[in-house]
Amino acid sequence: MSLSFEERKKNILKTLEKDEKVHVRALADALQVSGETIRRDLDRLEKEGLLKKVYGGAVKTRFSLEPPFDQKTTLNEKEKRAICKTAASLVEDGDRIMIGHGTTPLEIVRFLGNKKNVTIITASVPVMLLAMEVFDGQIIFIGGEFERSQKFTSGPLSDIVLQQLKANKAFIAAGGVSLKDGITDYDLNGSSISRRMMERVEETVILADHTKFGKTTFAHICPLNDVSIMITDQYCSEEWKAALAQREIELLIADEM
């Protein structure tokens, strides 16, 4: 029985993490698939920013470029939606919540229909637009300088607004999750608005699908020790589950939808 793409992906990334390089022929032999299948897998993983293809295989990329928002919406859709459903289950009646930028937290809004008197605070334009369609509670949009590629606002004006607000929970997407480098984002503006949100809430929940683990992106958000709750999908490795448990970080595994 042949392995699924997600199973092959896990094996490829595990080998890459250990050896920092993978070879098409060796992967094809180890996973018992054709070289063409492996090349397609490497193409897909490169588009996700998880590796860089080279002649005969691929190498590990320490820092990767963030795809545009619209492109990211097609990556790991089922996993992100499951993560959002679990995140929404943490919201209580009467909560004021901050929802960060990126495609991962976007769908939280769809799962708040049974919550009463909830206020959404966000700097994400897609979150605001979706909330206008499907959410009946109060919406507070944090203005500022608009980042076109990722569709959020940031900068001094955003900071001024956030300083006036206090909320119960923040749901923040991670660009990368690393034991050494902590929680990171792809750019300084993104990491800055996430940190400001974290400073203005009682509790922060980090959202990260399995592709974010073992990865460091450009801009630091916070050390791993600052995280109390993290939500991921069912493909999170046992090694990462153990590493987070050792650091007393509560890890919630979102059920497949």
C-alpha atoms as a PDB file:
ATOM      1  CA  MET A   1       0.000   0.000   0.000  1.00  0.00           C
ATOM      2  CA  SER A   2       1.537   3.309  -1.074  1.00  0.00           C
ATOM      3  CA  LEU A   3       1.982   6.169   1.369  1.00  0.00           C
ATOM      4  CA  SER A   4      -0.182   9.263   1.134  1.00  0.00           C
ATOM      5  CA  PHE A   5       1.350  12.645   0.356  1.00  0.00           C
ATOM      6  CA  GLU A   6       1.097  13.706   4.018  1.00  0.00           C
ATOM      7  CA  GLU A   7       2.932  10.555   5.112  1.00  0.00           C
ATOM      8  CA  ARG A   8       5.622  11.051   2.470  1.00  0.00           C
ATOM      9  CA  LYS A   9       5.850  14.714   3.459  1.00  0.00           C
ATOM     10  CA  LYS A  10       6.473  13.775   7.082  1.00  0.00           C
ATOM     11  CA  ASN A  11       9.276  11.393   6.052  1.00  0.00           C
ATOM     12  CA  ILE A  12      10.845  13.913   3.672  1.00  0.00           C
ATOM     13  CA  LEU A  13      10.860  16.702   6.267  1.00  0.00           C
ATOM     14  CA  LYS A  14      12.180  14.390   8.976  1.00  0.00           C
ATOM     15  CA  THR A  15      15.081  13.354   6.721  1.00  0.00           C
ATOM     16  CA  LEU A  16      15.672  16.983   5.781  1.00  0.00           C
ATOM     17  CA  GLU A  17      15.726  18.048   9.425  1.00  0.00           C
ATOM     18  CA  LYS A  18      18.362  15.389  10.168  1.00  0.00           C
ATOM     19  CA  ASP A  19      20.569  15.578   7.063  1.00  0.00           C
ATOM     20  CA  GLU A  20      19.775  19.111   5.757  1.00  0.00           C
ATOM     21  CA  LYS A  21      19.563  17.617   2.249  1.00  0.00           C
ATOM     22  CA  VAL A  22      17.459  14.946   0.530  1.00  0.00           C
ATOM     23  CA  HIS A  23      18.028  13.066  -2.740  1.00  0.00           C
ATOM     24  CA  VAL A  24      15.241  12.071  -5.116  1.00  0.00           C
ATOM     25  CA  ARG A  25      16.597   8.572  -5.786  1.00  0.00           C
ATOM     26  CA  ALA A  26      17.138   7.776  -2.089  1.00  0.00           C
ATOM     27  CA  LEU A  27      13.665   9.038  -1.161  1.00  0.00           C
ATOM     28  CA  ALA A  28      12.047   7.090  -3.994  1.00  0.00           C
ATOM     29  CA  ASP A  29      13.735   3.881  -2.790  1.00  0.00           C
ATOM     30  CA  ALA A  30      12.954   4.498   0.873  1.00  0.00           C
ATOM     31  CA  LEU A  31       9.293   5.406   0.283  1.00  0.00           C
ATOM     32  CA  GLN A  32       8.782   2.888  -2.531  1.00  0.00           C
ATOM     33  CA  VAL A  33       7.434   5.383  -5.047  1.00  0.00           C
ATOM     34  CA  SER A  34       8.658   6.691  -8.377  1.00  0.00           C
ATOM     35  CA  GLY A  35      11.176   9.469  -8.759  1.00  0.00           C
ATOM     36  CA  GLU A  36       8.499  11.511 -10.520  1.00  0.00           C
ATOM     37  CA  THR A  37       6.259  11.261  -7.441  1.00  0.00           C
ATOM     38  CA  ILE A  38       9.096  12.519  -5.240  1.00  0.00           C
ATOM     39  CA  ARG A  39       9.818  15.382  -7.625  1.00  0.00           C
ATOM     40  CA  ARG A  40       6.147  16.410  -7.479  1.00  0.00           C
ATOM     41  CA  ASP A  41       6.274  16.210  -3.683  1.00  0.00           C
ATOM     42  CA  LEU A  42       9.375  18.422  -3.606  1.00  0.00           C
ATOM     43  CA  ASP A  43       7.669  20.919  -5.939  1.00  0.00           C
ATOM     44  CA  ARG A  44       4.723  21.093  -3.568  1.00  0.00           C
ATOM     45  CA  LEU A  45       6.893  21.445  -0.460  1.00  0.00           C
ATOM     46  CA  GLU A  46       8.926  24.202  -2.111  1.00  0.00           C
ATOM     47  CA  LYS A  47       5.703  26.121  -2.790  1.00  0.00           C
ATOM     48  CA  GLU A  48       4.876  25.757   0.904  1.00  0.00           C
ATOM     49  CA  GLY A  49       8.273  27.305   1.714  1.00  0.00           C
ATOM     50  CA  LEU A  50       9.538  24.173   3.490  1.00  0.00           C
ATOM     51  CA  LEU A  51      12.590  23.456   1.322  1.00  0.00           C
ATOM     52  CA  LYS A  52      14.533  24.614  -1.718  1.00  0.00           C
ATOM     53  CA  LYS A  53      14.887  22.326  -4.723  1.00  0.00           C
ATOM     54  CA  VAL A  54      18.393  21.712  -6.078  1.00  0.00           C
ATOM     55  CA  TYR A  55      19.742  19.359  -8.715  1.00  0.00           C
ATOM     56  CA  GLY A  56      18.894  15.788  -7.693  1.00  0.00           C
ATOM     57  CA  GLY A  57      16.942  16.699  -4.581  1.00  0.00           C
ATOM     58  CA  ALA A  58      16.358  19.530  -2.122  1.00  0.00           C
ATOM     59  CA  VAL A  59      18.028  21.351   0.755  1.00  0.00           C
ATOM     60  CA  LYS A  60      16.753  22.790   3.999  1.00  0.00           C
ATOM     61  CA  THR A  61      15.875  26.478   3.979  1.00  0.00           C
ATOM     62  CA  ARG A  62      16.412  28.303   7.225  1.00  0.00           C
ATOM     63  CA  PHE A  63      14.486  31.394   6.193  1.00  0.00           C
ATOM     64  CA  SER A  64      11.731  31.231   3.597  1.00  0.00           C
ATOM     65  CA  LEU A  65       9.704  33.875   1.808  1.00  0.00           C
ATOM     66  CA  GLU A  66       6.043  34.150   2.691  1.00  0.00           C
ATOM     67  CA  PRO A  67       3.638  33.424  -0.160  1.00  0.00           C
ATOM     68  CA  PRO A  68       0.942  36.074  -0.786  1.00  0.00           C
ATOM     69  CA  PHE A  69      -2.216  35.761   1.320  1.00  0.00           C
ATOM     70  CA  ASP A  70      -4.394  34.495  -1.540  1.00  0.00           C
ATOM     71  CA  GLN A  71      -1.878  31.770  -2.369  1.00  0.00           C
ATOM     72  CA  LYS A  72      -1.644  30.665   1.275  1.00  0.00           C
ATOM     73  CA  THR A  73      -5.378  30.068   1.505  1.00  0.00           C
ATOM     74  CA  THR A  74      -4.949  26.900  -0.575  1.00  0.00           C
ATOM     75  CA  LEU A  75      -2.245  25.436   1.696  1.00  0.00           C
ATOM     76  CA  ASN A  76      -3.320  22.914   4.368  1.00  0.00           C
ATOM     77  CA  GLU A  77      -6.944  24.100   4.202  1.00  0.00           C
ATOM     78  CA  LYS A  78      -8.456  21.175   6.139  1.00  0.00           C
ATOM     79  CA  GLU A  79      -5.863  21.417   8.893  1.00  0.00           C
ATOM     80  CA  LYS A  80      -6.325  25.175   9.298  1.00  0.00           C
ATOM     81  CA  ARG A  81     -10.099  24.847   9.447  1.00  0.00           C
ATOM     82  CA  ALA A  82      -9.850  22.142  12.118  1.00  0.00           C
ATOM     83  CA  ILE A  83      -7.443  24.321  14.111  1.00  0.00           C
ATOM     84  CA  CYS A  84      -9.903  27.228  13.919  1.00  0.00           C
ATOM     85  CA  LYS A  85     -12.796  25.094  15.145  1.00  0.00           C
ATOM     86  CA  THR A  86     -10.747  24.042  18.168  1.00  0.00           C
ATOM     87  CA  ALA A  87      -9.675  27.650  18.753  1.00  0.00           C
ATOM     88  CA  ALA A  88     -13.288  28.851  18.690  1.00  0.00           C
ATOM     89  CA  SER A  89     -14.171  26.252  21.340  1.00  0.00           C
ATOM     90  CA  LEU A  90     -11.912  28.161  23.759  1.00  0.00           C
ATOM     91  CA  VAL A  91     -13.963  31.349  23.353  1.00  0.00           C
ATOM     92  CA  GLU A  92     -16.472  31.920  26.150  1.00  0.00           C
ATOM     93  CA  ASP A  93     -19.636  34.000  26.196  1.00  0.00           C
ATOM     94  CA  GLY A  94     -18.749  37.637  26.822  1.00  0.00           C
ATOM     95  CA  ASP A  95     -15.130  37.310  25.666  1.00  0.00           C
ATOM     96  CA  ARG A  96     -13.273  40.015  23.831  1.00  0.00           C
ATOM     97  CA  ILE A  97     -10.871  38.272  21.468  1.00  0.00           C
ATOM     98  CA  MET A  98      -8.060  39.445  19.231  1.00  0.00           C
ATOM     99  CA  ILE A  99      -7.618  37.533  15.980  1.00  0.00           C
ATOM    100  CA  GLY A 100      -4.242  37.917  14.298  1.00  0.00           C
ATOM    101  CA  HIS A 101      -3.345  38.151  10.636  1.00  0.00           C
ATOM    102  CA  GLY A 102      -2.663  35.304   8.221  1.00  0.00           C
ATOM    103  CA  THR A 103      -4.789  32.543   6.740  1.00  0.00           C
ATOM    104  CA  THR A 104      -4.625  30.215   9.745  1.00  0.00           C
ATOM    105  CA  PRO A 105      -6.843  32.232  12.176  1.00  0.00           C
ATOM    106  CA  LEU A 106      -9.309  33.417   9.526  1.00  0.00           C
ATOM    107  CA  GLU A 107     -11.905  30.654   9.874  1.00  0.00           C
ATOM    108  CA  ILE A 108     -12.303  31.132  13.655  1.00  0.00           C
ATOM    109  CA  VAL A 109     -15.005  33.649  12.813  1.00  0.00           C
ATOM    110  CA  ARG A 110     -17.199  30.948  11.229  1.00  0.00           C
ATOM    111  CA  PHE A 111     -17.321  28.915  14.442  1.00  0.00           C
ATOM    112  CA  LEU A 112     -18.486  31.652  16.825  1.00  0.00           C
ATOM    113  CA  GLY A 113     -22.177  31.468  15.954  1.00  0.00           C
ATOM    114  CA  ASN A 114     -23.174  29.857  19.258  1.00  0.00           C
ATOM    115  CA  LYS A 115     -21.243  32.357  21.396  1.00  0.00           C
ATOM    116  CA  LYS A 116     -22.988  35.300  23.045  1.00  0.00           C
ATOM    117  CA  ASN A 117     -21.733  38.870  23.468  1.00  0.00           C
ATOM    118  CA  VAL A 118     -18.341  38.229  21.873  1.00  0.00           C
ATOM    119  CA  THR A 119     -16.245  41.116  20.531  1.00  0.00           C
ATOM    120  CA  ILE A 120     -13.728  40.548  17.733  1.00  0.00           C
ATOM    121  CA  ILE A 121     -10.678  42.830  17.532  1.00  0.00           C
ATOM    122  CA  THR A 122      -8.473  42.407  14.471  1.00  0.00           C
ATOM    123  CA  ALA A 123      -5.960  44.059  12.167  1.00  0.00           C
ATOM    124  CA  SER A 124      -6.686  41.519   9.430  1.00  0.00           C
ATOM    125  CA  VAL A 125      -8.796  42.822   6.552  1.00  0.00           C
ATOM    126  CA  PRO A 126      -9.985  39.303   5.541  1.00  0.00           C
ATOM    127  CA  VAL A 127     -11.023  38.581   9.138  1.00  0.00           C
ATOM    128  CA  MET A 128     -12.953  41.850   9.284  1.00  0.00           C
ATOM    129  CA  LEU A 129     -14.694  41.208   5.943  1.00  0.00           C
ATOM    130  CA  LEU A 130     -15.641  37.650   6.891  1.00  0.00           C
ATOM    131  CA  ALA A 131     -16.901  38.812  10.291  1.00  0.00           C
ATOM    132  CA  MET A 132     -19.093  41.396   8.561  1.00  0.00           C
ATOM    133  CA  GLU A 133     -20.747  38.525   6.664  1.00  0.00           C
ATOM    134  CA  VAL A 134     -21.142  35.784   9.282  1.00  0.00           C
ATOM    135  CA  PHE A 135     -20.641  37.296  12.763  1.00  0.00           C
ATOM    136  CA  ASP A 136     -23.366  39.093  14.725  1.00  0.00           C
ATOM    137  CA  GLY A 137     -21.248  40.510  17.553  1.00  0.00           C
ATOM    138  CA  GLN A 138     -19.185  43.681  17.848  1.00  0.00           C
ATOM    139  CA  ILE A 139     -16.249  44.112  15.454  1.00  0.00           C
ATOM    140  CA  ILE A 140     -13.341  46.471  16.152  1.00  0.00           C
ATOM    141  CA  PHE A 141     -10.912  46.948  13.281  1.00  0.00           C
ATOM    142  CA  ILE A 142      -7.411  48.132  14.114  1.00  0.00           C
ATOM    143  CA  GLY A 143      -6.372  50.601  11.447  1.00  0.00           C
ATOM    144  CA  GLY A 144      -2.909  51.653  10.381  1.00  0.00           C
ATOM    145  CA  GLU A 145      -0.624  51.149   7.429  1.00  0.00           C
ATOM    146  CA  PHE A 146      -1.993  48.514   5.037  1.00  0.00           C
ATOM    147  CA  GLU A 147       0.277  45.610   4.083  1.00  0.00           C
ATOM    148  CA  ARG A 148      -1.014  44.631   0.632  1.00  0.00           C
ATOM    149  CA  SER A 149       0.502  41.180   0.184  1.00  0.00           C
ATOM    150  CA  GLN A 150      -0.682  39.822   3.550  1.00  0.00           C
ATOM    151  CA  LYS A 151      -3.750  42.071   3.955  1.00  0.00           C
ATOM    152  CA  PHE A 152      -3.305  43.429   7.468  1.00  0.00           C
ATOM    153  CA  THR A 153      -2.593  46.790   9.094  1.00  0.00           C
ATOM    154  CA  SER A 154       0.295  47.670  11.379  1.00  0.00           C
ATOM    155  CA  GLY A 155       2.575  50.509  12.433  1.00  0.00           C
ATOM    156  CA  PRO A 156       2.320  53.431  14.904  1.00  0.00           C
ATOM    157  CA  LEU A 157      -1.399  54.015  14.365  1.00  0.00           C
ATOM    158  CA  SER A 158      -2.148  50.356  15.101  1.00  0.00           C
ATOM    159  CA  ASP A 159      -0.060  50.580  18.268  1.00  0.00           C
ATOM    160  CA  ILE A 160      -2.027  53.619  19.449  1.00  0.00           C
ATOM    161  CA  VAL A 161      -5.356  51.802  19.011  1.00  0.00           C
ATOM    162  CA  LEU A 162      -4.155  48.631  20.739  1.00  0.00           C
ATOM    163  CA  GLN A 163      -2.890  50.593  23.727  1.00  0.00           C
ATOM    164  CA  GLN A 164      -6.484  51.678  24.344  1.00  0.00           C
ATOM    165  CA  LEU A 165      -7.854  48.123  24.375  1.00  0.00           C
ATOM    166  CA  LYS A 166      -7.764  45.108  26.659  1.00  0.00           C
ATOM    167  CA  ALA A 167      -9.053  41.644  25.734  1.00  0.00           C
ATOM    168  CA  ASN A 168      -9.382  38.137  27.123  1.00  0.00           C
ATOM    169  CA  LYS A 169      -7.670  36.066  24.445  1.00  0.00           C
ATOM    170  CA  ALA A 170      -5.510  36.503  21.362  1.00  0.00           C
ATOM    171  CA  PHE A 171      -5.296  33.921  18.592  1.00  0.00           C
ATOM    172  CA  ILE A 172      -1.948  34.367  16.857  1.00  0.00           C
ATOM    173  CA  ALA A 173      -0.641  32.443  13.840  1.00  0.00           C
ATOM    174  CA  ALA A 174       2.978  31.302  13.822  1.00  0.00           C
ATOM    175  CA  GLY A 175       5.153  31.492  10.726  1.00  0.00           C
ATOM    176  CA  GLY A 176       7.566  29.133  12.442  1.00  0.00           C
ATOM    177  CA  VAL A 177       7.879  27.213  15.716  1.00  0.00           C
ATOM    178  CA  SER A 178      11.402  26.413  16.879  1.00  0.00           C
ATOM    179  CA  LEU A 179      12.826  25.078  20.135  1.00  0.00           C
ATOM    180  CA  LYS A 180      15.718  27.502  19.763  1.00  0.00           C
ATOM    181  CA  ASP A 181      14.118  30.541  18.113  1.00  0.00           C
ATOM    182  CA  GLY A 182      10.595  30.343  19.539  1.00  0.00           C
ATOM    183  CA  ILE A 183       7.612  31.736  17.645  1.00  0.00           C
ATOM    184  CA  THR A 184       8.487  33.690  14.511  1.00  0.00           C
ATOM    185  CA  ASP A 185       6.790  35.534  11.648  1.00  0.00           C
ATOM    186  CA  TYR A 186       7.891  36.364   8.123  1.00  0.00           C
ATOM    187  CA  ASP A 187       8.239  40.129   8.543  1.00  0.00           C
ATOM    188  CA  LEU A 188       8.822  42.782  11.186  1.00  0.00           C
ATOM    189  CA  ASN A 189       5.416  44.412  10.866  1.00  0.00           C
ATOM    190  CA  GLY A 190       3.661  41.085  11.287  1.00  0.00           C
ATOM    191  CA  SER A 191       5.678  40.127  14.348  1.00  0.00           C
ATOM    192  CA  SER A 192       5.199  43.588  15.851  1.00  0.00           C
ATOM    193  CA  ILE A 193       1.386  43.595  15.611  1.00  0.00           C
ATOM    194  CA  SER A 194       1.299  40.053  17.063  1.00  0.00           C
ATOM    195  CA  ARG A 195       3.433  41.098  20.048  1.00  0.00           C
ATOM    196  CA  ARG A 196       1.266  44.160  20.678  1.00  0.00           C
ATOM    197  CA  MET A 197      -1.838  41.972  20.724  1.00  0.00           C
ATOM    198  CA  MET A 198      -0.186  39.545  23.135  1.00  0.00           C
ATOM    199  CA  GLU A 199       0.646  42.422  25.491  1.00  0.00           C
ATOM    200  CA  ARG A 200      -3.024  43.484  25.634  1.00  0.00           C
ATOM    201  CA  VAL A 201      -4.649  40.126  26.471  1.00  0.00           C
ATOM    202  CA  GLU A 202      -4.910  37.791  29.434  1.00  0.00           C
ATOM    203  CA  GLU A 203      -4.102  34.675  27.418  1.00  0.00           C
ATOM    204  CA  THR A 204      -2.450  33.976  24.051  1.00  0.00           C
ATOM    205  CA  VAL A 205      -3.200  30.937  21.928  1.00  0.00           C
ATOM    206  CA  ILE A 206      -0.671  30.125  19.180  1.00  0.00           C
ATOM    207  CA  LEU A 207      -2.068  28.492  16.040  1.00  0.00           C
ATOM    208  CA  ALA A 208       0.359  26.416  13.961  1.00  0.00           C
ATOM    209  CA  ASP A 209      -0.265  23.589  11.517  1.00  0.00           C
ATOM    210  CA  HIS A 210       2.305  20.796  11.435  1.00  0.00           C
ATOM    211  CA  THR A 211       4.353  22.406   8.640  1.00  0.00           C
ATOM    212  CA  LYS A 212       5.380  25.246  10.988  1.00  0.00           C
ATOM    213  CA  PHE A 213       7.229  23.046  13.495  1.00  0.00           C
ATOM    214  CA  GLY A 214      11.011  22.947  13.320  1.00  0.00           C
ATOM    215  CA  LYS A 215      10.944  26.077  11.187  1.00  0.00           C
ATOM    216  CA  THR A 216      12.293  29.582  11.805  1.00  0.00           C
ATOM    217  CA  THR A 217      11.106  32.573   9.831  1.00  0.00           C
ATOM    218  CA  PHE A 218      12.587  36.060   9.773  1.00  0.00           C
ATOM    219  CA  ALA A 219      11.065  38.046  12.644  1.00  0.00           C
ATOM    220  CA  HIS A 220      10.872  37.009  16.304  1.00  0.00           C
ATOM    221  CA  ILE A 221       7.474  37.165  18.036  1.00  0.00           C
ATOM    222  CA  CYS A 222       8.194  35.554  21.416  1.00  0.00           C
ATOM    223  CA  PRO A 223      10.207  32.807  23.121  1.00  0.00           C
ATOM    224  CA  LEU A 224       8.592  29.386  23.309  1.00  0.00           C
ATOM    225  CA  ASN A 225       8.483  29.710  27.096  1.00  0.00           C
ATOM    226  CA  ASP A 226       6.018  32.610  26.740  1.00  0.00           C
ATOM    227  CA  VAL A 227       3.452  30.267  25.163  1.00  0.00           C
ATOM    228  CA  SER A 228       0.910  28.519  27.388  1.00  0.00           C
ATOM    229  CA  ILE A 229      -1.466  27.042  24.780  1.00  0.00           C
ATOM    230  CA  MET A 230      -0.804  25.908  21.221  1.00  0.00           C
ATOM    231  CA  ILE A 231      -3.216  24.365  18.725  1.00  0.00           C
ATOM    232  CA  THR A 232      -2.037  22.205  15.835  1.00  0.00           C
ATOM    233  CA  ASP A 233      -3.362  19.451  13.568  1.00  0.00           C
ATOM    234  CA  GLN A 234      -3.259  15.670  13.714  1.00  0.00           C
ATOM    235  CA  TYR A 235       0.009  15.443  11.757  1.00  0.00           C
ATOM    236  CA  CYS A 236       2.092  16.953  14.558  1.00  0.00           C
ATOM    237  CA  SER A 237       4.986  14.577  15.290  1.00  0.00           C
ATOM    238  CA  GLU A 238       5.376  12.643  18.532  1.00  0.00           C
ATOM    239  CA  GLU A 239       8.763  14.323  18.995  1.00  0.00           C
ATOM    240  CA  TRP A 240       7.164  17.759  19.022  1.00  0.00           C
ATOM    241  CA  LYS A 241       4.375  16.633  21.329  1.00  0.00           C
ATOM    242  CA  ALA A 242       6.998  15.414  23.800  1.00  0.00           C
ATOM    243  CA  ALA A 243       9.126  18.576  23.439  1.00  0.00           C
ATOM    244  CA  LEU A 244       6.172  20.871  24.176  1.00  0.00           C
ATOM    245  CA  ALA A 245       4.987  18.714  27.088  1.00  0.00           C
ATOM    246  CA  GLN A 246       8.484  18.939  28.577  1.00  0.00           C
ATOM    247  CA  ARG A 247       8.158  22.739  28.468  1.00  0.00           C
ATOM    248  CA  GLU A 248       4.689  22.566  30.060  1.00  0.00           C
ATOM    249  CA  ILE A 249       2.996  24.018  26.972  1.00  0.00           C
ATOM    250  CA  GLU A 250      -0.563  22.760  26.596  1.00  0.00           C
ATOM    251  CA  LEU A 251      -0.928  21.323  23.103  1.00  0.00           C
ATOM    252  CA  LEU A 252      -4.387  20.856  21.626  1.00  0.00           C
ATOM    253  CA  ILE A 253      -4.674  18.549  18.619  1.00  0.00           C
ATOM    254  CA  ALA A 254      -7.498  19.577  16.290  1.00  0.00           C
ATOM    255  CA  ASP A 255      -9.679  16.690  15.096  1.00  0.00           C
ATOM    256  CA  GLU A 256      -9.883  16.060  11.377  1.00  0.00           C
ATOM    257  CA  MET A 257     -13.007  17.578   9.841  1.00  0.00           C
END
